[in-house]
Amino acid sequence: MLIALGPLGLLFLSVIDSLGLPIVGGVDALLVTIASQRPAQAYFAAVYAIVGSIVGSLVLYGIARKGGEVLLAKHIGSRRGARLHIWFQRYGLFTVFIPAVSPIPLPMKVPVFCAGALQVRIGYFVAVVAVARVIRYFALAYLGQRFGRQTFQYLLGHWGLVVSIAAVLAIGAVVALRLVQRHEAALGHPE
Protein backbone atom coordinates (compact mmCIF):
# COMPACT_ATOMS: atom_id res chain seq x y z
CA MET A 1 0.00 0.00 0.00
CA LEU A 2 2.81 2.44 0.90
CA ILE A 3 4.58 1.69 -2.39
CA ALA A 4 1.38 2.55 -4.26
CA LEU A 5 1.23 5.89 -2.42
CA GLY A 6 4.77 6.65 -3.58
CA PRO A 7 6.32 9.71 -1.92
CA LEU A 8 3.22 10.28 0.24
CA GLY A 9 3.59 6.77 1.67
CA LEU A 10 7.19 7.59 2.40
CA LEU A 11 6.18 10.81 4.17
CA PHE A 12 3.73 8.90 6.36
CA LEU A 13 6.22 6.13 7.17
CA SER A 14 9.07 8.53 7.97
CA VAL A 15 6.89 10.56 10.36
CA ILE A 16 5.89 7.39 12.23
CA ASP A 17 9.48 6.12 12.29
CA SER A 18 10.83 9.42 13.63
CA LEU A 19 8.14 9.61 16.30
CA GLY A 20 9.89 6.71 17.95
CA LEU A 21 7.79 3.82 16.65
CA PRO A 22 10.59 1.65 15.30
CA ILE A 23 10.29 0.57 11.70
CA VAL A 24 13.84 -0.71 11.27
CA GLY A 25 14.97 -0.05 7.74
CA GLY A 26 11.41 0.55 6.55
CA VAL A 27 11.94 4.11 5.34
CA ASP A 28 15.21 3.19 3.64
CA ALA A 29 13.70 0.14 1.95
CA LEU A 30 10.63 2.06 0.77
CA LEU A 31 12.78 4.90 -0.58
CA VAL A 32 15.01 2.49 -2.50
CA THR A 33 11.95 0.66 -3.85
CA ILE A 34 10.34 3.89 -5.04
CA ALA A 35 13.64 5.10 -6.53
CA SER A 36 14.15 1.85 -8.41
CA GLN A 37 10.54 1.51 -9.63
CA ARG A 38 9.95 5.22 -10.35
CA PRO A 39 13.36 6.80 -11.02
CA ALA A 40 11.80 10.17 -11.94
CA GLN A 41 10.33 10.41 -8.41
CA ALA A 42 13.47 9.30 -6.54
CA TYR A 43 14.61 12.70 -5.27
CA PHE A 44 11.07 13.91 -4.76
CA ALA A 45 10.53 10.85 -2.55
CA ALA A 46 13.77 11.64 -0.69
CA VAL A 47 12.46 15.15 0.06
CA TYR A 48 9.25 13.65 1.47
CA ALA A 49 11.29 11.27 3.64
CA ILE A 50 13.37 14.20 4.92
CA VAL A 51 10.31 16.30 5.72
CA GLY A 52 8.60 13.37 7.45
CA SER A 53 11.69 12.63 9.49
CA ILE A 54 12.04 16.24 10.60
CA VAL A 55 8.33 16.49 11.49
CA GLY A 56 8.35 13.23 13.50
CA SER A 57 11.59 14.17 15.26
CA LEU A 58 10.23 17.61 16.12
CA VAL A 59 7.13 16.08 17.70
CA LEU A 60 9.26 13.79 19.89
CA TYR A 61 11.64 16.69 20.63
CA GLY A 62 8.68 18.89 21.60
CA ILE A 63 7.23 16.27 23.93
CA ALA A 64 10.62 15.87 25.61
CA ARG A 65 11.08 19.62 25.85
CA LYS A 66 7.75 20.03 27.66
CA GLY A 67 8.14 17.28 30.25
CA GLY A 68 11.26 15.34 29.47
CA GLU A 69 13.41 16.97 32.13
CA VAL A 70 11.43 15.19 34.85
CA LEU A 71 11.68 11.81 33.14
CA LEU A 72 15.33 12.35 32.34
CA ALA A 73 16.06 13.37 35.94
CA LYS A 74 14.54 10.10 37.17
CA HIS A 75 16.79 8.10 34.87
CA ILE A 76 19.94 10.11 35.57
CA GLY A 77 19.98 8.46 39.00
CA SER A 78 20.48 5.09 37.31
CA ARG A 79 23.91 4.15 36.01
CA ARG A 80 22.72 3.90 32.41
CA GLY A 81 20.85 7.21 32.61
CA ALA A 82 23.86 8.98 34.09
CA ARG A 83 26.11 7.66 31.32
CA LEU A 84 23.63 8.76 28.67
CA HIS A 85 23.38 12.23 30.20
CA ILE A 86 27.17 12.61 30.35
CA TRP A 87 27.51 11.29 26.79
CA PHE A 88 24.95 13.78 25.49
CA GLN A 89 26.48 16.66 27.47
CA ARG A 90 29.90 15.85 26.00
CA TYR A 91 28.96 15.07 22.41
CA GLY A 92 25.63 16.90 22.09
CA LEU A 93 24.00 16.81 18.69
CA PHE A 94 26.67 14.45 17.40
CA THR A 95 24.59 11.76 19.15
CA VAL A 96 21.63 12.78 16.97
CA PHE A 97 23.62 13.13 13.74
CA ILE A 98 25.19 9.67 13.75
CA PRO A 99 21.99 7.60 13.88
CA ALA A 100 20.23 10.04 11.52
CA VAL A 101 22.88 9.70 8.81
CA SER A 102 23.93 6.09 9.36
CA PRO A 103 22.66 3.45 6.95
CA ILE A 104 23.16 0.98 9.82
CA PRO A 105 19.99 1.01 11.94
CA LEU A 106 20.84 2.87 15.16
CA PRO A 107 18.32 4.05 17.74
CA MET A 108 17.54 7.72 17.29
CA LYS A 109 14.66 8.08 19.75
CA VAL A 110 16.83 8.46 22.88
CA PRO A 111 19.18 11.15 21.47
CA VAL A 112 16.20 13.12 20.12
CA PHE A 113 14.49 12.85 23.50
CA CYS A 114 17.67 14.01 25.26
CA ALA A 115 17.98 16.98 22.89
CA GLY A 116 14.46 18.09 23.81
CA ALA A 117 14.77 17.40 27.52
CA LEU A 118 18.10 19.21 27.77
CA GLN A 119 16.69 22.25 25.94
CA VAL A 120 18.99 22.11 22.91
CA ARG A 121 18.20 25.05 20.64
CA ILE A 122 15.57 24.03 18.12
CA GLY A 123 17.49 25.60 15.23
CA TYR A 124 20.56 23.48 15.93
CA PHE A 125 18.43 20.39 16.35
CA VAL A 126 16.53 20.86 13.07
CA ALA A 127 19.73 21.70 11.18
CA VAL A 128 21.50 18.57 12.40
CA VAL A 129 18.55 16.27 11.61
CA ALA A 130 18.02 17.93 8.22
CA VAL A 131 21.67 17.71 7.15
CA ALA A 132 21.95 14.09 8.23
CA ARG A 133 18.71 13.08 6.53
CA VAL A 134 19.53 14.98 3.31
CA ILE A 135 22.80 13.08 3.06
CA ARG A 136 21.23 9.72 3.86
CA TYR A 137 18.05 9.93 1.82
CA PHE A 138 19.52 11.59 -1.28
CA ALA A 139 22.30 9.00 -1.29
CA LEU A 140 19.73 6.19 -1.03
CA ALA A 141 17.61 7.77 -3.78
CA TYR A 142 20.67 7.94 -6.03
CA LEU A 143 21.70 4.37 -5.25
CA GLY A 144 18.12 3.14 -5.67
CA GLN A 145 17.97 4.72 -9.12
CA ARG A 146 21.33 3.30 -10.07
CA PHE A 147 21.34 -0.18 -8.50
CA GLY A 148 17.66 -0.87 -7.90
CA ARG A 149 16.94 -3.74 -5.56
CA GLN A 150 20.66 -4.52 -5.31
CA THR A 151 21.26 -1.25 -3.43
CA PHE A 152 21.50 -2.88 -0.01
CA GLN A 153 23.78 -5.59 -1.37
CA TYR A 154 25.95 -2.83 -2.83
CA LEU A 155 26.06 -1.06 0.54
CA LEU A 156 26.97 -4.29 2.34
CA GLY A 157 29.66 -5.02 -0.25
CA HIS A 158 31.16 -1.57 0.22
CA TRP A 159 30.54 -1.16 3.95
CA GLY A 160 34.06 0.16 4.64
CA LEU A 161 33.57 3.00 2.17
CA VAL A 162 30.10 3.72 3.53
CA VAL A 163 31.36 3.88 7.13
CA SER A 164 34.32 6.06 6.09
CA ILE A 165 32.09 8.54 4.26
CA ALA A 166 29.66 8.64 7.20
CA ALA A 167 32.55 9.26 9.62
CA VAL A 168 33.97 12.10 7.52
CA LEU A 169 30.53 13.68 7.23
CA ALA A 170 29.92 13.30 10.97
CA ILE A 171 33.25 14.92 11.82
CA GLY A 172 32.54 17.73 9.36
CA ALA A 173 29.12 18.31 10.92
CA VAL A 174 30.57 18.39 14.44
CA VAL A 175 33.28 20.84 13.40
CA ALA A 176 30.71 23.07 11.67
CA LEU A 177 28.43 23.00 14.70
CA ARG A 178 31.30 23.84 17.06
CA LEU A 179 32.35 26.74 14.83
CA VAL A 180 28.82 28.14 14.84
CA GLN A 181 28.63 27.76 18.63
CA ARG A 182 31.98 29.53 19.11
CA HIS A 183 30.96 32.31 16.75
CA GLU A 184 27.71 32.85 18.67
CA ALA A 185 29.57 32.75 21.99
CA ALA A 186 31.99 35.39 20.70
CA LEU A 187 29.02 37.56 19.73
CA GLY A 188 27.57 37.12 23.21
CA HIS A 189 24.66 34.86 22.23
CA PRO A 190 24.32 31.96 24.67
CA GLU A 191 23.71 28.49 23.34
C-alpha atoms as a PDB file:
ATOM      1  CA  MET A   1       0.000   0.000   0.000  1.00  0.00           C
ATOM      2  CA  LEU A   2       2.809   2.437   0.902  1.00  0.00           C
ATOM      3  CA  ILE A   3       4.579   1.692  -2.389  1.00  0.00           C
ATOM      4  CA  ALA A   4       1.375   2.548  -4.255  1.00  0.00           C
ATOM      5  CA  LEU A   5       1.235   5.889  -2.423  1.00  0.00           C
ATOM      6  CA  GLY A   6       4.774   6.646  -3.575  1.00  0.00           C
ATOM      7  CA  PRO A   7       6.325   9.709  -1.925  1.00  0.00           C
ATOM      8  CA  LEU A   8       3.218  10.277   0.239  1.00  0.00           C
ATOM      9  CA  GLY A   9       3.587   6.769   1.667  1.00  0.00           C
ATOM     10  CA  LEU A  10       7.195   7.593   2.401  1.00  0.00           C
ATOM     11  CA  LEU A  11       6.184  10.810   4.170  1.00  0.00           C
ATOM     12  CA  PHE A  12       3.732   8.896   6.364  1.00  0.00           C
ATOM     13  CA  LEU A  13       6.221   6.129   7.171  1.00  0.00           C
ATOM     14  CA  SER A  14       9.069   8.525   7.972  1.00  0.00           C
ATOM     15  CA  VAL A  15       6.890  10.562  10.363  1.00  0.00           C
ATOM     16  CA  ILE A  16       5.893   7.389  12.229  1.00  0.00           C
ATOM     17  CA  ASP A  17       9.475   6.117  12.293  1.00  0.00           C
ATOM     18  CA  SER A  18      10.829   9.420  13.632  1.00  0.00           C
ATOM     19  CA  LEU A  19       8.139   9.614  16.298  1.00  0.00           C
ATOM     20  CA  GLY A  20       9.892   6.708  17.951  1.00  0.00           C
ATOM     21  CA  LEU A  21       7.788   3.822  16.648  1.00  0.00           C
ATOM     22  CA  PRO A  22      10.588   1.652  15.304  1.00  0.00           C
ATOM     23  CA  ILE A  23      10.287   0.570  11.696  1.00  0.00           C
ATOM     24  CA  VAL A  24      13.836  -0.711  11.274  1.00  0.00           C
ATOM     25  CA  GLY A  25      14.974  -0.052   7.742  1.00  0.00           C
ATOM     26  CA  GLY A  26      11.412   0.548   6.545  1.00  0.00           C
ATOM     27  CA  VAL A  27      11.943   4.106   5.340  1.00  0.00           C
ATOM     28  CA  ASP A  28      15.211   3.192   3.636  1.00  0.00           C
ATOM     29  CA  ALA A  29      13.696   0.145   1.950  1.00  0.00           C
ATOM     30  CA  LEU A  30      10.626   2.060   0.770  1.00  0.00           C
ATOM     31  CA  LEU A  31      12.779   4.896  -0.581  1.00  0.00           C
ATOM     32  CA  VAL A  32      15.013   2.486  -2.496  1.00  0.00           C
ATOM     33  CA  THR A  33      11.951   0.658  -3.851  1.00  0.00           C
ATOM     34  CA  ILE A  34      10.337   3.889  -5.040  1.00  0.00           C
ATOM     35  CA  ALA A  35      13.642   5.099  -6.532  1.00  0.00           C
ATOM     36  CA  SER A  36      14.149   1.847  -8.405  1.00  0.00           C
ATOM     37  CA  GLN A  37      10.545   1.511  -9.628  1.00  0.00           C
ATOM     38  CA  ARG A  38       9.953   5.221 -10.352  1.00  0.00           C
ATOM     39  CA  PRO A  39      13.357   6.802 -11.025  1.00  0.00           C
ATOM     40  CA  ALA A  40      11.798  10.167 -11.937  1.00  0.00           C
ATOM     41  CA  GLN A  41      10.331  10.409  -8.409  1.00  0.00           C
ATOM     42  CA  ALA A  42      13.466   9.297  -6.542  1.00  0.00           C
ATOM     43  CA  TYR A  43      14.607  12.698  -5.270  1.00  0.00           C
ATOM     44  CA  PHE A  44      11.066  13.907  -4.762  1.00  0.00           C
ATOM     45  CA  ALA A  45      10.533  10.852  -2.550  1.00  0.00           C
ATOM     46  CA  ALA A  46      13.772  11.645  -0.694  1.00  0.00           C
ATOM     47  CA  VAL A  47      12.455  15.148   0.063  1.00  0.00           C
ATOM     48  CA  TYR A  48       9.255  13.648   1.468  1.00  0.00           C
ATOM     49  CA  ALA A  49      11.288  11.270   3.644  1.00  0.00           C
ATOM     50  CA  ILE A  50      13.374  14.200   4.918  1.00  0.00           C
ATOM     51  CA  VAL A  51      10.307  16.304   5.718  1.00  0.00           C
ATOM     52  CA  GLY A  52       8.595  13.369   7.447  1.00  0.00           C
ATOM     53  CA  SER A  53      11.686  12.626   9.493  1.00  0.00           C
ATOM     54  CA  ILE A  54      12.037  16.237  10.603  1.00  0.00           C
ATOM     55  CA  VAL A  55       8.325  16.485  11.495  1.00  0.00           C
ATOM     56  CA  GLY A  56       8.351  13.234  13.503  1.00  0.00           C
ATOM     57  CA  SER A  57      11.590  14.167  15.261  1.00  0.00           C
ATOM     58  CA  LEU A  58      10.226  17.612  16.120  1.00  0.00           C
ATOM     59  CA  VAL A  59       7.125  16.083  17.702  1.00  0.00           C
ATOM     60  CA  LEU A  60       9.256  13.794  19.886  1.00  0.00           C
ATOM     61  CA  TYR A  61      11.637  16.686  20.634  1.00  0.00           C
ATOM     62  CA  GLY A  62       8.679  18.893  21.604  1.00  0.00           C
ATOM     63  CA  ILE A  63       7.231  16.274  23.932  1.00  0.00           C
ATOM     64  CA  ALA A  64      10.616  15.868  25.610  1.00  0.00           C
ATOM     65  CA  ARG A  65      11.078  19.623  25.846  1.00  0.00           C
ATOM     66  CA  LYS A  66       7.750  20.031  27.662  1.00  0.00           C
ATOM     67  CA  GLY A  67       8.143  17.278  30.246  1.00  0.00           C
ATOM     68  CA  GLY A  68      11.257  15.339  29.469  1.00  0.00           C
ATOM     69  CA  GLU A  69      13.407  16.968  32.133  1.00  0.00           C
ATOM     70  CA  VAL A  70      11.434  15.188  34.852  1.00  0.00           C
ATOM     71  CA  LEU A  71      11.678  11.808  33.144  1.00  0.00           C
ATOM     72  CA  LEU A  72      15.335  12.346  32.337  1.00  0.00           C
ATOM     73  CA  ALA A  73      16.063  13.370  35.939  1.00  0.00           C
ATOM     74  CA  LYS A  74      14.536  10.100  37.165  1.00  0.00           C
ATOM     75  CA  HIS A  75      16.786   8.104  34.871  1.00  0.00           C
ATOM     76  CA  ILE A  76      19.941  10.109  35.574  1.00  0.00           C
ATOM     77  CA  GLY A  77      19.984   8.457  38.999  1.00  0.00           C
ATOM     78  CA  SER A  78      20.478   5.094  37.306  1.00  0.00           C
ATOM     79  CA  ARG A  79      23.913   4.147  36.013  1.00  0.00           C
ATOM     80  CA  ARG A  80      22.723   3.899  32.409  1.00  0.00           C
ATOM     81  CA  GLY A  81      20.852   7.213  32.613  1.00  0.00           C
ATOM     82  CA  ALA A  82      23.855   8.985  34.087  1.00  0.00           C
ATOM     83  CA  ARG A  83      26.110   7.659  31.322  1.00  0.00           C
ATOM     84  CA  LEU A  84      23.634   8.756  28.674  1.00  0.00           C
ATOM     85  CA  HIS A  85      23.385  12.230  30.199  1.00  0.00           C
ATOM     86  CA  ILE A  86      27.172  12.611  30.348  1.00  0.00           C
ATOM     87  CA  TRP A  87      27.511  11.285  26.788  1.00  0.00           C
ATOM     88  CA  PHE A  88      24.953  13.778  25.491  1.00  0.00           C
ATOM     89  CA  GLN A  89      26.476  16.661  27.474  1.00  0.00           C
ATOM     90  CA  ARG A  90      29.896  15.849  26.005  1.00  0.00           C
ATOM     91  CA  TYR A  91      28.959  15.068  22.405  1.00  0.00           C
ATOM     92  CA  GLY A  92      25.632  16.903  22.086  1.00  0.00           C
ATOM     93  CA  LEU A  93      24.000  16.812  18.694  1.00  0.00           C
ATOM     94  CA  PHE A  94      26.672  14.449  17.397  1.00  0.00           C
ATOM     95  CA  THR A  95      24.595  11.764  19.150  1.00  0.00           C
ATOM     96  CA  VAL A  96      21.627  12.784  16.971  1.00  0.00           C
ATOM     97  CA  PHE A  97      23.619  13.134  13.739  1.00  0.00           C
ATOM     98  CA  ILE A  98      25.194   9.671  13.747  1.00  0.00           C
ATOM     99  CA  PRO A  99      21.986   7.597  13.884  1.00  0.00           C
ATOM    100  CA  ALA A 100      20.229  10.035  11.522  1.00  0.00           C
ATOM    101  CA  VAL A 101      22.883   9.696   8.808  1.00  0.00           C
ATOM    102  CA  SER A 102      23.930   6.086   9.361  1.00  0.00           C
ATOM    103  CA  PRO A 103      22.659   3.446   6.952  1.00  0.00           C
ATOM    104  CA  ILE A 104      23.155   0.985   9.816  1.00  0.00           C
ATOM    105  CA  PRO A 105      19.991   1.011  11.940  1.00  0.00           C
ATOM    106  CA  LEU A 106      20.836   2.865  15.155  1.00  0.00           C
ATOM    107  CA  PRO A 107      18.323   4.050  17.743  1.00  0.00           C
ATOM    108  CA  MET A 108      17.539   7.718  17.286  1.00  0.00           C
ATOM    109  CA  LYS A 109      14.656   8.080  19.753  1.00  0.00           C
ATOM    110  CA  VAL A 110      16.827   8.458  22.876  1.00  0.00           C
ATOM    111  CA  PRO A 111      19.180  11.153  21.473  1.00  0.00           C
ATOM    112  CA  VAL A 112      16.197  13.121  20.117  1.00  0.00           C
ATOM    113  CA  PHE A 113      14.491  12.850  23.499  1.00  0.00           C
ATOM    114  CA  CYS A 114      17.667  14.015  25.264  1.00  0.00           C
ATOM    115  CA  ALA A 115      17.977  16.975  22.893  1.00  0.00           C
ATOM    116  CA  GLY A 116      14.464  18.091  23.808  1.00  0.00           C
ATOM    117  CA  ALA A 117      14.765  17.396  27.522  1.00  0.00           C
ATOM    118  CA  LEU A 118      18.105  19.212  27.775  1.00  0.00           C
ATOM    119  CA  GLN A 119      16.686  22.248  25.940  1.00  0.00           C
ATOM    120  CA  VAL A 120      18.987  22.106  22.912  1.00  0.00           C
ATOM    121  CA  ARG A 121      18.196  25.045  20.638  1.00  0.00           C
ATOM    122  CA  ILE A 122      15.571  24.032  18.119  1.00  0.00           C
ATOM    123  CA  GLY A 123      17.490  25.599  15.231  1.00  0.00           C
ATOM    124  CA  TYR A 124      20.564  23.478  15.926  1.00  0.00           C
ATOM    125  CA  PHE A 125      18.429  20.392  16.347  1.00  0.00           C
ATOM    126  CA  VAL A 126      16.528  20.859  13.073  1.00  0.00           C
ATOM    127  CA  ALA A 127      19.727  21.700  11.183  1.00  0.00           C
ATOM    128  CA  VAL A 128      21.495  18.567  12.402  1.00  0.00           C
ATOM    129  CA  VAL A 129      18.553  16.274  11.613  1.00  0.00           C
ATOM    130  CA  ALA A 130      18.017  17.926   8.218  1.00  0.00           C
ATOM    131  CA  VAL A 131      21.671  17.714   7.150  1.00  0.00           C
ATOM    132  CA  ALA A 132      21.947  14.087   8.230  1.00  0.00           C
ATOM    133  CA  ARG A 133      18.713  13.078   6.525  1.00  0.00           C
ATOM    134  CA  VAL A 134      19.530  14.980   3.311  1.00  0.00           C
ATOM    135  CA  ILE A 135      22.800  13.077   3.065  1.00  0.00           C
ATOM    136  CA  ARG A 136      21.234   9.716   3.865  1.00  0.00           C
ATOM    137  CA  TYR A 137      18.051   9.931   1.823  1.00  0.00           C
ATOM    138  CA  PHE A 138      19.515  11.594  -1.276  1.00  0.00           C
ATOM    139  CA  ALA A 139      22.299   8.995  -1.292  1.00  0.00           C
ATOM    140  CA  LEU A 140      19.725   6.193  -1.028  1.00  0.00           C
ATOM    141  CA  ALA A 141      17.606   7.769  -3.784  1.00  0.00           C
ATOM    142  CA  TYR A 142      20.666   7.937  -6.034  1.00  0.00           C
ATOM    143  CA  LEU A 143      21.697   4.367  -5.248  1.00  0.00           C
ATOM    144  CA  GLY A 144      18.118   3.138  -5.672  1.00  0.00           C
ATOM    145  CA  GLN A 145      17.974   4.718  -9.125  1.00  0.00           C
ATOM    146  CA  ARG A 146      21.334   3.303 -10.070  1.00  0.00           C
ATOM    147  CA  PHE A 147      21.342  -0.179  -8.501  1.00  0.00           C
ATOM    148  CA  GLY A 148      17.660  -0.866  -7.898  1.00  0.00           C
ATOM    149  CA  ARG A 149      16.941  -3.745  -5.555  1.00  0.00           C
ATOM    150  CA  GLN A 150      20.656  -4.524  -5.310  1.00  0.00           C
ATOM    151  CA  THR A 151      21.259  -1.253  -3.431  1.00  0.00           C
ATOM    152  CA  PHE A 152      21.496  -2.877  -0.014  1.00  0.00           C
ATOM    153  CA  GLN A 153      23.782  -5.585  -1.372  1.00  0.00           C
ATOM    154  CA  TYR A 154      25.952  -2.825  -2.832  1.00  0.00           C
ATOM    155  CA  LEU A 155      26.056  -1.057   0.543  1.00  0.00           C
ATOM    156  CA  LEU A 156      26.973  -4.294   2.338  1.00  0.00           C
ATOM    157  CA  GLY A 157      29.655  -5.020  -0.249  1.00  0.00           C
ATOM    158  CA  HIS A 158      31.162  -1.573   0.219  1.00  0.00           C
ATOM    159  CA  TRP A 159      30.543  -1.161   3.949  1.00  0.00           C
ATOM    160  CA  GLY A 160      34.057   0.163   4.641  1.00  0.00           C
ATOM    161  CA  LEU A 161      33.573   2.996   2.170  1.00  0.00           C
ATOM    162  CA  VAL A 162      30.097   3.725   3.528  1.00  0.00           C
ATOM    163  CA  VAL A 163      31.360   3.883   7.127  1.00  0.00           C
ATOM    164  CA  SER A 164      34.322   6.062   6.089  1.00  0.00           C
ATOM    165  CA  ILE A 165      32.088   8.537   4.259  1.00  0.00           C
ATOM    166  CA  ALA A 166      29.658   8.635   7.196  1.00  0.00           C
ATOM    167  CA  ALA A 167      32.550   9.261   9.617  1.00  0.00           C
ATOM    168  CA  VAL A 168      33.972  12.101   7.518  1.00  0.00           C
ATOM    169  CA  LEU A 169      30.529  13.679   7.228  1.00  0.00           C
ATOM    170  CA  ALA A 170      29.921  13.304  10.967  1.00  0.00           C
ATOM    171  CA  ILE A 171      33.254  14.918  11.817  1.00  0.00           C
ATOM    172  CA  GLY A 172      32.535  17.729   9.363  1.00  0.00           C
ATOM    173  CA  ALA A 173      29.118  18.314  10.921  1.00  0.00           C
ATOM    174  CA  VAL A 174      30.571  18.388  14.439  1.00  0.00           C
ATOM    175  CA  VAL A 175      33.282  20.838  13.398  1.00  0.00           C
ATOM    176  CA  ALA A 176      30.710  23.072  11.668  1.00  0.00           C
ATOM    177  CA  LEU A 177      28.426  22.997  14.701  1.00  0.00           C
ATOM    178  CA  ARG A 178      31.301  23.835  17.056  1.00  0.00           C
ATOM    179  CA  LEU A 179      32.351  26.741  14.830  1.00  0.00           C
ATOM    180  CA  VAL A 180      28.816  28.136  14.841  1.00  0.00           C
ATOM    181  CA  GLN A 181      28.625  27.765  18.631  1.00  0.00           C
ATOM    182  CA  ARG A 182      31.983  29.526  19.108  1.00  0.00           C
ATOM    183  CA  HIS A 183      30.959  32.305  16.751  1.00  0.00           C
ATOM    184  CA  GLU A 184      27.705  32.848  18.672  1.00  0.00           C
ATOM    185  CA  ALA A 185      29.566  32.747  21.991  1.00  0.00           C
ATOM    186  CA  ALA A 186      31.991  35.387  20.697  1.00  0.00           C
ATOM    187  CA  LEU A 187      29.021  37.563  19.731  1.00  0.00           C
ATOM    188  CA  GLY A 188      27.574  37.120  23.210  1.00  0.00           C
ATOM    189  CA  HIS A 189      24.663  34.862  22.231  1.00  0.00           C
ATOM    190  CA  PRO A 190      24.322  31.965  24.666  1.00  0.00           C
ATOM    191  CA  GLU A 191      23.711  28.488  23.345  1.00  0.00           C
END
